[in-house]
Protein backbone atom coordinates (compact mmCIF):
# COMPACT_ATOMS: atom_id res chain seq x y z
CA UNK A 1 17.36 0.93 -3.58
CA UNK A 2 14.17 -0.90 -2.68
CA UNK A 3 13.45 -4.56 -3.38
CA UNK A 4 9.69 -4.94 -3.24
CA UNK A 5 8.86 -8.04 -5.22
CA UNK A 6 6.94 -11.05 -4.08
CA UNK A 7 4.72 -13.87 -5.21
CA UNK A 8 2.72 -16.21 -3.02
CA UNK A 9 3.03 -19.99 -3.19
CA UNK A 10 -0.57 -21.22 -2.84
CA UNK A 11 0.13 -22.08 0.83
CA UNK A 12 1.79 -25.31 -0.29
CA UNK A 13 3.41 -27.26 2.59
CA UNK A 14 6.63 -29.15 1.94
CA UNK A 15 4.93 -32.52 1.51
CA UNK A 16 3.07 -31.17 -1.55
CA UNK A 17 5.78 -28.85 -2.89
CA UNK A 18 7.02 -29.37 -6.44
CA UNK A 19 10.47 -28.39 -7.68
CA UNK A 20 8.80 -26.11 -10.23
CA UNK A 21 6.85 -24.15 -7.59
CA UNK A 22 9.93 -23.93 -5.34
CA UNK A 23 12.11 -22.60 -8.14
CA UNK A 24 9.46 -20.06 -9.24
CA UNK A 25 9.01 -18.60 -5.78
CA UNK A 26 12.72 -18.53 -4.92
CA UNK A 27 13.51 -16.88 -8.26
CA UNK A 28 11.14 -13.97 -7.69
CA UNK A 29 11.31 -13.58 -3.92
CA UNK A 30 15.00 -14.20 -3.30
CA UNK A 31 17.16 -14.52 -6.44
CA UNK A 32 15.85 -11.28 -8.00
CA UNK A 33 16.47 -9.26 -4.83
CA UNK A 34 19.92 -10.85 -4.50
CA UNK A 35 20.84 -9.68 -8.01
CA UNK A 36 19.65 -6.11 -7.38
CA UNK A 37 21.23 -5.96 -3.91
CA UNK A 38 24.53 -7.16 -5.32
CA UNK A 39 24.42 -4.56 -8.07
CA UNK A 40 23.44 -1.80 -5.64
CA UNK A 41 26.37 -2.64 -3.35
CA UNK A 42 28.75 -2.51 -6.34
CA UNK A 43 27.37 0.88 -7.44
CA UNK A 44 27.49 2.26 -3.89
CA UNK A 45 31.10 1.08 -3.49
CA UNK A 46 32.09 2.68 -6.78
CA UNK A 47 30.45 5.98 -5.79
CA UNK A 48 32.23 5.80 -2.42
CA UNK A 49 29.68 7.68 -0.31
CA UNK A 50 27.58 4.84 1.15
CA UNK A 51 24.12 3.76 0.20
CA UNK A 52 20.82 2.46 1.43
CA UNK A 53 19.08 -0.82 0.59
CA UNK A 54 15.55 -1.58 1.77
CA UNK A 55 14.24 -5.11 1.34
CA UNK A 56 10.54 -5.84 1.75
CA UNK A 57 10.17 -9.28 3.26
CA UNK A 58 7.15 -10.41 5.27
CA UNK A 59 6.14 -11.58 8.69
CA UNK A 60 6.27 -14.90 6.83
CA UNK A 61 10.07 -14.48 7.15
CA UNK A 62 9.72 -14.26 10.94
CA UNK A 63 7.08 -16.94 11.51
CA UNK A 64 6.38 -20.37 10.12
CA UNK A 65 2.67 -20.55 9.45
CA UNK A 66 1.83 -17.45 7.39
CA UNK A 67 2.30 -19.06 3.95
CA UNK A 68 3.61 -22.20 2.31
CA UNK A 69 7.13 -23.61 2.46
CA UNK A 70 8.63 -21.75 -0.52
CA UNK A 71 7.31 -18.29 0.37
CA UNK A 72 8.26 -18.70 4.04
CA UNK A 73 11.74 -19.94 3.13
CA UNK A 74 12.31 -17.12 0.61
CA UNK A 75 11.38 -14.44 3.11
CA UNK A 76 13.46 -15.96 5.91
CA UNK A 77 16.39 -16.05 3.49
CA UNK A 78 15.82 -12.45 2.44
CA UNK A 79 16.08 -11.38 6.08
CA UNK A 80 19.34 -13.34 6.43
CA UNK A 81 20.71 -11.83 3.23
CA UNK A 82 19.81 -8.36 4.47
CA UNK A 83 21.45 -8.82 7.85
CA UNK A 84 24.58 -10.20 6.19
CA UNK A 85 24.71 -7.27 3.76
CA UNK A 86 24.21 -4.79 6.61
CA UNK A 87 27.08 -6.24 8.61
CA UNK A 88 29.47 -6.81 5.74
CA UNK A 89 29.22 -3.28 4.33
CA UNK A 90 28.57 -1.18 7.45
CA UNK A 91 32.11 0.22 7.46
CA UNK A 92 31.45 1.51 3.91
CA UNK A 93 28.29 3.28 5.14
CA UNK A 94 26.06 0.96 3.13
CA UNK A 95 22.94 0.20 5.10
CA UNK A 96 20.48 -2.62 4.52
CA UNK A 97 17.19 -2.86 6.40
CA UNK A 98 14.06 -4.92 6.13
CA UNK A 99 10.36 -4.10 6.25
CA UNK A 100 8.33 -7.15 7.31
CA UNK A 101 4.67 -6.44 6.59
CA UNK A 102 1.76 -8.50 7.72
CA UNK A 103 -1.37 -8.47 5.62
CA UNK A 104 -1.37 -5.57 3.18
CA UNK A 105 -4.15 -4.67 0.79
CA UNK A 106 -2.30 -5.46 -2.44
CA UNK A 107 -2.72 -7.85 -5.35
CA UNK A 108 -0.14 -10.39 -4.12
CA UNK A 109 -2.87 -13.00 -3.65
CA UNK A 110 -3.96 -12.81 -7.28
CA UNK A 111 -1.51 -15.59 -8.16
CA UNK A 112 -3.08 -17.95 -5.61
CA UNK A 113 -5.30 -19.77 -8.06
CA UNK A 114 -5.11 -23.28 -6.60
CA UNK A 115 -4.29 -23.10 -2.87
CA UNK A 116 -3.37 -26.23 -1.00
CA UNK A 117 -6.40 -27.25 1.05
CA UNK A 118 -4.22 -28.53 3.89
CA UNK A 119 -1.76 -25.60 3.79
CA UNK A 120 -4.51 -23.02 3.63
CA UNK A 121 -6.42 -24.64 6.47
CA UNK A 122 -3.34 -24.49 8.70
CA UNK A 123 -2.52 -20.89 7.76
CA UNK A 124 -6.15 -19.80 8.21
CA UNK A 125 -6.10 -20.75 11.91
CA UNK A 126 -4.34 -17.44 12.62
CA UNK A 127 -6.30 -15.14 10.29
CA UNK A 128 -8.75 -14.08 13.00
CA UNK A 129 -5.83 -12.75 15.05
CA UNK A 130 -5.01 -10.10 12.42
CA UNK A 131 -5.85 -6.72 14.02
CA UNK A 132 -6.22 -5.08 10.58
CA UNK A 133 -4.81 -5.03 7.10
CA UNK A 134 -2.21 -2.46 6.19
CA UNK A 135 -2.12 -0.29 3.08
CA UNK A 136 0.61 0.04 0.51
CA UNK A 137 0.85 3.73 1.47
CA UNK A 138 1.66 2.78 5.06
CA UNK A 139 4.47 0.51 3.85
CA UNK A 140 5.72 3.24 1.51
CA UNK A 141 5.94 5.67 4.46
CA UNK A 142 8.10 3.17 6.35
CA UNK A 143 10.34 2.83 3.31
CA UNK A 144 10.63 6.62 3.08
CA UNK A 145 11.68 6.73 6.72
CA UNK A 146 14.32 4.04 6.15
CA UNK A 147 15.56 5.95 3.09
CA UNK A 148 15.92 9.15 5.11
CA UNK A 149 18.74 10.46 7.26
CA UNK A 150 16.43 10.17 10.28
CA UNK A 151 17.05 6.39 10.21
CA UNK A 152 20.84 6.66 9.86
CA UNK A 153 21.44 4.51 12.95
CA UNK A 154 19.32 1.64 11.59
CA UNK A 155 21.32 -1.04 9.81
CA UNK A 156 20.30 -4.70 9.74
CA UNK A 157 16.99 -3.83 11.36
CA UNK A 158 13.67 -5.57 10.72
CA UNK A 159 10.72 -3.20 11.01
CA UNK A 160 7.63 -5.32 11.52
CA UNK A 161 4.54 -3.61 10.07
CA UNK A 162 1.66 -5.88 11.01
CA UNK A 163 -0.63 -3.83 13.28
CA UNK A 164 0.56 -5.95 16.20
CA UNK A 165 -0.11 -9.48 14.85
CA UNK A 166 3.30 -10.86 15.76
CA UNK A 167 3.11 -9.24 19.19
CA UNK A 168 0.68 -11.98 20.18
């Protein structure tokens, strides 16, 4: 099972964050994946032969300045949820791993219609460090690897796919 949903938060820092924006981002980026992860675990337990959950987070879940408060918090929480799931169900052969992409050529930014000037200016300081953008096909290949038996030893892992951005 793959959770690959995400919406951006207009780079809104906590001082400008509304309850409405917080709830919207958390609902899509964290609550939805929690529901599907919970259901997947229940199905895998019922089947009794293990299972594999892949959650797509973001380098925003590893770093603090890649997005606004809500997006960053949601992706940090997704990584924590994934690690907890991996540990709790490892004995039942249910694996849960995370892909943490950097910039990927997708339409995730389409929803950023009114970015925070302050938040965007702070985030933009690091844009020039990005070695290159990834493609959705590159992320899909990582997911296929995690779904395969070749990755059977990986559980609770975070595979960072950012062309080396977080290596700096």
